[in-house]
Amino acid sequence: MKFLAVEKETAGVKWQNEQAILQEEAKCVYNLIKKDKIREIYFTESHNAVLVLECGSREEAENILKEMPIAQKGLSGFDLCELKPYTGLDRLINKQ
């Protein structure tokens, strides 16, 4: 199952004071990529992380996100949604 996770920062965080936790976060991301749990990762224009996760269940995805260092420290959370296959092309195919 694929999941889209969009980071939502806790208000008032001074990221320049959080370099150690950001390094831990990068290590965590690296390990999750190696385990094929994070398939893609990006930053938005406002520098919020966007992750595409590959997990067996929503619960697994939620647990992964809760264990990330910035989430554990309360600096950020994530909005999570499951990605389903696009079926809109069926409208173009004449089913007989």
N, C-alpha and C. Protein backbone atom coordinates (compact mmCIF):
# COMPACT_ATOMS: atom_id res chain seq x y z
N MET A 1 0.85 -1.16 0.00
CA MET A 1 0.00 0.00 0.00
C MET A 1 0.90 1.23 0.00
N LYS A 2 0.48 2.24 -0.77
CA LYS A 2 1.22 3.49 -0.81
C LYS A 2 0.49 4.54 0.02
N PHE A 3 1.28 5.35 0.69
CA PHE A 3 0.75 6.42 1.52
C PHE A 3 1.50 7.71 1.23
N LEU A 4 0.78 8.79 1.26
CA LEU A 4 1.35 10.12 1.12
C LEU A 4 1.33 10.78 2.49
N ALA A 5 2.49 11.23 2.94
CA ALA A 5 2.61 11.89 4.24
C ALA A 5 3.14 13.29 4.00
N VAL A 6 2.42 14.28 4.50
CA VAL A 6 2.83 15.68 4.35
C VAL A 6 3.09 16.23 5.75
N GLU A 7 4.30 16.74 5.93
CA GLU A 7 4.70 17.27 7.23
C GLU A 7 3.91 18.53 7.57
N LYS A 8 3.56 18.64 8.83
CA LYS A 8 2.96 19.87 9.34
C LYS A 8 3.75 20.26 10.57
N GLU A 9 4.45 21.38 10.46
CA GLU A 9 5.34 21.83 11.52
C GLU A 9 4.57 22.35 12.72
N THR A 10 5.15 22.17 13.88
CA THR A 10 4.64 22.78 15.10
C THR A 10 5.01 24.26 15.06
N ALA A 11 4.07 25.12 15.36
CA ALA A 11 4.31 26.57 15.31
C ALA A 11 5.42 26.97 16.27
N GLY A 12 6.22 27.92 15.82
CA GLY A 12 7.24 28.51 16.68
C GLY A 12 8.56 27.77 16.75
N VAL A 13 8.73 26.69 15.99
CA VAL A 13 9.99 25.95 16.04
C VAL A 13 11.09 26.79 15.37
N LYS A 14 12.22 26.90 16.03
CA LYS A 14 13.39 27.59 15.49
C LYS A 14 14.36 26.51 14.98
N TRP A 15 14.25 26.19 13.70
CA TRP A 15 15.00 25.08 13.13
C TRP A 15 16.50 25.28 13.21
N GLN A 16 16.96 26.53 13.22
CA GLN A 16 18.40 26.77 13.32
C GLN A 16 18.96 26.26 14.65
N ASN A 17 18.10 26.10 15.65
CA ASN A 17 18.52 25.57 16.95
C ASN A 17 18.36 24.05 17.05
N GLU A 18 17.94 23.42 15.97
CA GLU A 18 17.60 21.99 16.00
C GLU A 18 18.47 21.17 15.05
N GLN A 19 19.71 21.59 14.84
CA GLN A 19 20.57 20.90 13.87
C GLN A 19 20.83 19.43 14.24
N ALA A 20 21.00 19.14 15.51
CA ALA A 20 21.27 17.75 15.92
C ALA A 20 20.08 16.85 15.60
N ILE A 21 18.88 17.29 15.88
CA ILE A 21 17.69 16.47 15.61
C ILE A 21 17.46 16.34 14.10
N LEU A 22 17.81 17.38 13.34
CA LEU A 22 17.67 17.30 11.88
C LEU A 22 18.66 16.29 11.30
N GLN A 23 19.83 16.19 11.88
CA GLN A 23 20.79 15.17 11.44
C GLN A 23 20.25 13.77 11.76
N GLU A 24 19.67 13.61 12.94
CA GLU A 24 19.05 12.32 13.30
C GLU A 24 17.90 11.99 12.35
N GLU A 25 17.13 13.00 11.99
CA GLU A 25 16.03 12.80 11.04
C GLU A 25 16.56 12.31 9.69
N ALA A 26 17.64 12.91 9.23
CA ALA A 26 18.23 12.49 7.95
C ALA A 26 18.71 11.04 8.01
N LYS A 27 19.30 10.64 9.12
CA LYS A 27 19.73 9.24 9.29
C LYS A 27 18.53 8.31 9.26
N CYS A 28 17.46 8.72 9.93
CA CYS A 28 16.23 7.92 9.96
C CYS A 28 15.67 7.75 8.55
N VAL A 29 15.60 8.85 7.81
CA VAL A 29 15.10 8.81 6.44
C VAL A 29 15.96 7.87 5.60
N TYR A 30 17.27 8.00 5.73
CA TYR A 30 18.18 7.13 4.98
C TYR A 30 17.89 5.65 5.27
N ASN A 31 17.75 5.31 6.54
CA ASN A 31 17.47 3.92 6.90
C ASN A 31 16.12 3.44 6.37
N LEU A 32 15.12 4.31 6.38
CA LEU A 32 13.80 3.93 5.85
C LEU A 32 13.84 3.77 4.34
N ILE A 33 14.66 4.55 3.66
CA ILE A 33 14.85 4.37 2.21
C ILE A 33 15.51 3.02 1.95
N LYS A 34 16.53 2.69 2.72
CA LYS A 34 17.21 1.40 2.56
C LYS A 34 16.26 0.23 2.80
N LYS A 35 15.29 0.41 3.69
CA LYS A 35 14.32 -0.65 4.00
C LYS A 35 13.13 -0.65 3.04
N ASP A 36 13.16 0.22 2.01
CA ASP A 36 12.07 0.35 1.03
C ASP A 36 10.75 0.79 1.66
N LYS A 37 10.81 1.50 2.77
CA LYS A 37 9.60 2.05 3.38
C LYS A 37 9.31 3.45 2.85
N ILE A 38 10.35 4.25 2.67
CA ILE A 38 10.20 5.55 1.99
C ILE A 38 10.62 5.33 0.55
N ARG A 39 9.69 5.55 -0.37
CA ARG A 39 9.97 5.38 -1.80
C ARG A 39 10.38 6.70 -2.45
N GLU A 40 9.81 7.80 -1.97
CA GLU A 40 10.14 9.12 -2.50
C GLU A 40 10.05 10.12 -1.35
N ILE A 41 10.86 11.18 -1.45
CA ILE A 41 10.79 12.24 -0.44
C ILE A 41 11.14 13.56 -1.10
N TYR A 42 10.41 14.59 -0.73
CA TYR A 42 10.56 15.92 -1.32
C TYR A 42 10.39 16.96 -0.24
N PHE A 43 10.71 18.20 -0.58
CA PHE A 43 10.33 19.36 0.21
C PHE A 43 9.38 20.21 -0.61
N THR A 44 8.39 20.81 0.04
CA THR A 44 7.54 21.80 -0.63
C THR A 44 8.29 23.13 -0.67
N GLU A 45 7.70 24.12 -1.33
CA GLU A 45 8.32 25.45 -1.39
C GLU A 45 8.45 26.08 -0.01
N SER A 46 7.63 25.65 0.93
CA SER A 46 7.75 26.16 2.31
C SER A 46 8.61 25.24 3.19
N HIS A 47 9.28 24.30 2.55
CA HIS A 47 10.25 23.40 3.18
C HIS A 47 9.61 22.36 4.13
N ASN A 48 8.37 22.00 3.86
CA ASN A 48 7.75 20.88 4.58
C ASN A 48 8.04 19.60 3.79
N ALA A 49 8.34 18.53 4.50
CA ALA A 49 8.64 17.26 3.86
C ALA A 49 7.37 16.61 3.32
N VAL A 50 7.51 15.96 2.18
CA VAL A 50 6.44 15.15 1.58
C VAL A 50 7.05 13.79 1.29
N LEU A 51 6.46 12.75 1.87
CA LEU A 51 6.99 11.39 1.73
C LEU A 51 5.97 10.49 1.05
N VAL A 52 6.46 9.60 0.21
CA VAL A 52 5.65 8.51 -0.32
C VAL A 52 6.17 7.25 0.35
N LEU A 53 5.30 6.63 1.14
CA LEU A 53 5.66 5.43 1.91
C LEU A 53 5.07 4.20 1.26
N GLU A 54 5.76 3.09 1.38
CA GLU A 54 5.25 1.78 0.95
C GLU A 54 5.17 0.92 2.20
N CYS A 55 3.95 0.62 2.63
CA CYS A 55 3.74 -0.10 3.89
C CYS A 55 2.64 -1.15 3.71
N GLY A 56 2.63 -2.12 4.60
CA GLY A 56 1.62 -3.16 4.55
C GLY A 56 0.26 -2.72 5.07
N SER A 57 0.24 -1.64 5.86
CA SER A 57 -1.02 -1.17 6.43
C SER A 57 -0.89 0.30 6.82
N ARG A 58 -2.03 0.92 7.05
CA ARG A 58 -2.04 2.30 7.53
C ARG A 58 -1.37 2.39 8.91
N GLU A 59 -1.63 1.40 9.75
CA GLU A 59 -1.03 1.38 11.08
C GLU A 59 0.49 1.38 10.99
N GLU A 60 1.05 0.59 10.07
CA GLU A 60 2.50 0.57 9.90
C GLU A 60 3.02 1.95 9.49
N ALA A 61 2.33 2.58 8.54
CA ALA A 61 2.73 3.92 8.09
C ALA A 61 2.67 4.91 9.25
N GLU A 62 1.61 4.88 10.02
CA GLU A 62 1.48 5.78 11.17
C GLU A 62 2.60 5.55 12.18
N ASN A 63 2.94 4.29 12.43
CA ASN A 63 4.00 3.98 13.38
C ASN A 63 5.35 4.47 12.90
N ILE A 64 5.62 4.33 11.62
CA ILE A 64 6.88 4.83 11.05
C ILE A 64 6.97 6.33 11.27
N LEU A 65 5.91 7.05 10.96
CA LEU A 65 5.92 8.51 11.09
C LEU A 65 6.08 8.94 12.55
N LYS A 66 5.44 8.23 13.47
CA LYS A 66 5.54 8.56 14.90
C LYS A 66 6.95 8.35 15.43
N GLU A 67 7.69 7.44 14.83
CA GLU A 67 9.04 7.11 15.29
C GLU A 67 10.11 8.03 14.71
N MET A 68 9.74 8.88 13.78
CA MET A 68 10.73 9.78 13.20
C MET A 68 11.15 10.81 14.26
N PRO A 69 12.44 11.14 14.34
CA PRO A 69 12.94 12.00 15.42
C PRO A 69 12.21 13.33 15.58
N ILE A 70 11.88 14.02 14.50
CA ILE A 70 11.20 15.31 14.67
C ILE A 70 9.79 15.15 15.21
N ALA A 71 9.16 14.03 14.89
CA ALA A 71 7.82 13.76 15.43
C ALA A 71 7.92 13.38 16.90
N GLN A 72 8.90 12.55 17.24
CA GLN A 72 9.09 12.15 18.64
C GLN A 72 9.34 13.36 19.53
N LYS A 73 10.07 14.33 19.01
CA LYS A 73 10.38 15.52 19.80
C LYS A 73 9.26 16.56 19.76
N GLY A 74 8.22 16.31 18.98
CA GLY A 74 7.08 17.23 18.92
C GLY A 74 7.30 18.44 18.04
N LEU A 75 8.31 18.37 17.15
CA LEU A 75 8.60 19.51 16.27
C LEU A 75 7.71 19.51 15.02
N SER A 76 7.24 18.36 14.64
CA SER A 76 6.40 18.22 13.45
C SER A 76 5.51 17.00 13.61
N GLY A 77 4.45 17.00 12.83
CA GLY A 77 3.59 15.84 12.69
C GLY A 77 3.38 15.63 11.20
N PHE A 78 2.48 14.73 10.85
CA PHE A 78 2.23 14.43 9.45
C PHE A 78 0.75 14.23 9.21
N ASP A 79 0.27 14.72 8.08
CA ASP A 79 -1.04 14.33 7.56
C ASP A 79 -0.79 13.13 6.65
N LEU A 80 -1.59 12.09 6.80
CA LEU A 80 -1.38 10.84 6.09
C LEU A 80 -2.61 10.45 5.30
N CYS A 81 -2.42 10.05 4.05
CA CYS A 81 -3.54 9.51 3.28
C CYS A 81 -3.04 8.35 2.41
N GLU A 82 -3.90 7.37 2.26
CA GLU A 82 -3.58 6.23 1.41
C GLU A 82 -3.78 6.61 -0.04
N LEU A 83 -2.85 6.19 -0.89
CA LEU A 83 -2.95 6.44 -2.32
C LEU A 83 -3.54 5.20 -2.99
N LYS A 84 -4.61 5.39 -3.73
CA LYS A 84 -5.28 4.30 -4.43
C LYS A 84 -4.99 4.43 -5.93
N PRO A 85 -5.06 3.32 -6.67
CA PRO A 85 -4.85 3.41 -8.11
C PRO A 85 -5.88 4.32 -8.77
N TYR A 86 -5.42 5.08 -9.76
CA TYR A 86 -6.32 5.96 -10.51
C TYR A 86 -7.17 5.12 -11.44
N THR A 87 -8.48 5.26 -11.36
CA THR A 87 -9.40 4.47 -12.20
C THR A 87 -10.13 5.35 -13.21
N GLY A 88 -9.76 6.62 -13.28
CA GLY A 88 -10.45 7.55 -14.18
C GLY A 88 -10.34 7.20 -15.65
N LEU A 89 -9.29 6.49 -16.03
CA LEU A 89 -9.15 6.12 -17.44
C LEU A 89 -10.22 5.14 -17.89
N ASP A 90 -10.86 4.47 -16.93
CA ASP A 90 -11.95 3.56 -17.29
C ASP A 90 -13.07 4.30 -18.03
N ARG A 91 -13.19 5.60 -17.78
CA ARG A 91 -14.22 6.38 -18.46
C ARG A 91 -13.98 6.49 -19.95
N LEU A 92 -12.73 6.26 -20.39
CA LEU A 92 -12.40 6.37 -21.80
C LEU A 92 -12.52 5.05 -22.54
N ILE A 93 -12.59 3.98 -21.81
CA ILE A 93 -12.61 2.65 -22.41
C ILE A 93 -14.06 2.18 -22.53
N ASN A 94 -14.45 1.79 -23.74
CA ASN A 94 -15.78 1.29 -23.99
C ASN A 94 -15.86 -0.15 -23.53
N LYS A 95 -16.55 -0.39 -22.42
CA LYS A 95 -16.67 -1.73 -21.89
C LYS A 95 -17.84 -2.43 -22.59
N GLN A 96 -17.54 -3.56 -23.15
CA GLN A 96 -18.58 -4.33 -23.85
C GLN A 96 -18.74 -5.68 -23.23
